[in-house]
Amino acid sequence: MEEDQIIGIWDVFKEYIPEKNKDTAANHFVDFLVGQDIESSVLQGLVGYDTHLDDAIELVLGDEVEEEEEEDYSHDDDEDY
């Protein structure tokens, strides 16, 4: 799925979501996209379009970076000096 398709889907649904629920909806939408194997580079390309999506993407990509750092750290522990 490409960035313009993702933005189009978000635009259709966000109009029906009360403002107080948009952050939660954006989080669920981004989680859905990740579950559909949308690459992080595509998600990064969405940043700047909608503040609710930005926050959700930052949350997901921040978790992804932390997991990578944890994996790198655990591999360093296995090395013999």
Protein backbone atom coordinates (compact mmCIF):
# COMPACT_ATOMS: atom_id res chain seq x y z
CA MET A 1 0.00 0.00 0.00
CA GLU A 2 1.34 3.42 -0.89
CA GLU A 3 1.36 6.60 1.15
CA ASP A 4 -1.42 8.31 -0.85
CA GLN A 5 -3.71 5.30 -0.37
CA ILE A 6 -3.08 5.27 3.38
CA ILE A 7 -3.77 9.01 3.64
CA GLY A 8 -6.93 8.58 1.57
CA ILE A 9 -8.24 5.90 3.92
CA TRP A 10 -7.41 8.00 6.99
CA ASP A 11 -9.14 11.04 5.45
CA VAL A 12 -12.34 9.09 4.81
CA PHE A 13 -12.64 7.81 8.36
CA LYS A 14 -11.23 10.67 10.44
CA GLU A 15 -14.20 12.89 9.58
CA TYR A 16 -16.48 10.48 11.45
CA ILE A 17 -14.27 10.16 14.53
CA PRO A 18 -14.89 12.56 17.41
CA GLU A 19 -11.84 14.73 18.14
CA LYS A 20 -11.35 13.17 21.58
CA ASN A 21 -11.02 9.70 19.97
CA LYS A 22 -8.74 10.55 17.04
CA ASP A 23 -5.52 9.72 18.90
CA THR A 24 -6.80 6.27 19.79
CA ALA A 25 -8.12 5.71 16.28
CA ALA A 26 -4.79 6.78 14.77
CA ASN A 27 -2.94 4.38 17.07
CA HIS A 28 -5.19 1.51 16.02
CA PHE A 29 -4.85 2.47 12.34
CA VAL A 30 -1.05 2.55 12.51
CA ASP A 31 -1.03 -0.75 14.41
CA PHE A 32 -3.20 -2.20 11.64
CA LEU A 33 -0.77 -0.92 9.00
CA VAL A 34 2.17 -2.48 10.83
CA GLY A 35 0.21 -5.73 11.00
CA GLN A 36 -0.19 -5.54 7.23
CA ASP A 37 3.62 -5.37 6.89
CA ILE A 38 3.70 -1.73 5.80
CA GLU A 39 7.38 -0.78 5.92
CA SER A 40 8.61 1.81 8.38
CA SER A 41 9.87 3.96 5.49
CA VAL A 42 6.27 4.26 4.23
CA LEU A 43 5.10 5.20 7.72
CA GLN A 44 7.86 7.81 7.94
CA GLY A 45 6.63 9.23 4.64
CA LEU A 46 3.25 9.93 6.26
CA VAL A 47 4.74 12.13 8.97
CA GLY A 48 3.69 15.74 8.61
CA TYR A 49 0.26 15.07 7.14
CA ASP A 50 -1.83 14.74 10.30
CA THR A 51 -0.80 15.35 13.90
CA HIS A 52 -2.77 12.34 15.17
CA LEU A 53 -1.04 10.03 12.69
CA ASP A 54 2.31 11.67 13.48
CA ASP A 55 1.98 10.83 17.16
CA ALA A 56 0.90 7.24 16.43
CA ILE A 57 3.73 6.72 13.95
CA GLU A 58 6.28 8.18 16.36
CA LEU A 59 5.04 5.81 19.03
CA VAL A 60 5.38 2.77 16.75
CA LEU A 61 8.70 3.77 15.22
CA GLY A 62 10.08 4.67 18.66
CA ASP A 63 9.19 1.18 19.89
CA GLU A 64 10.81 -0.30 16.80
CA VAL A 65 14.06 1.61 17.40
CA GLU A 66 14.11 0.53 21.06
CA GLU A 67 13.66 -3.13 20.07
CA GLU A 68 16.53 -2.88 17.58
CA GLU A 69 18.75 -1.32 20.25
CA GLU A 70 17.86 -4.09 22.69
CA GLU A 71 18.70 -6.74 20.07
CA ASP A 72 22.03 -5.06 19.33
CA TYR A 73 22.84 -4.93 23.04
CA SER A 74 21.98 -8.57 23.61
CA HIS A 75 24.30 -9.62 20.78
CA ASP A 76 27.13 -7.61 22.30
CA ASP A 77 26.78 -9.59 25.53
CA ASP A 78 27.65 -12.80 23.70
CA GLU A 79 31.06 -11.61 22.55
CA ASP A 80 34.20 -12.91 24.25
CA TYR A 81 36.91 -10.44 25.10
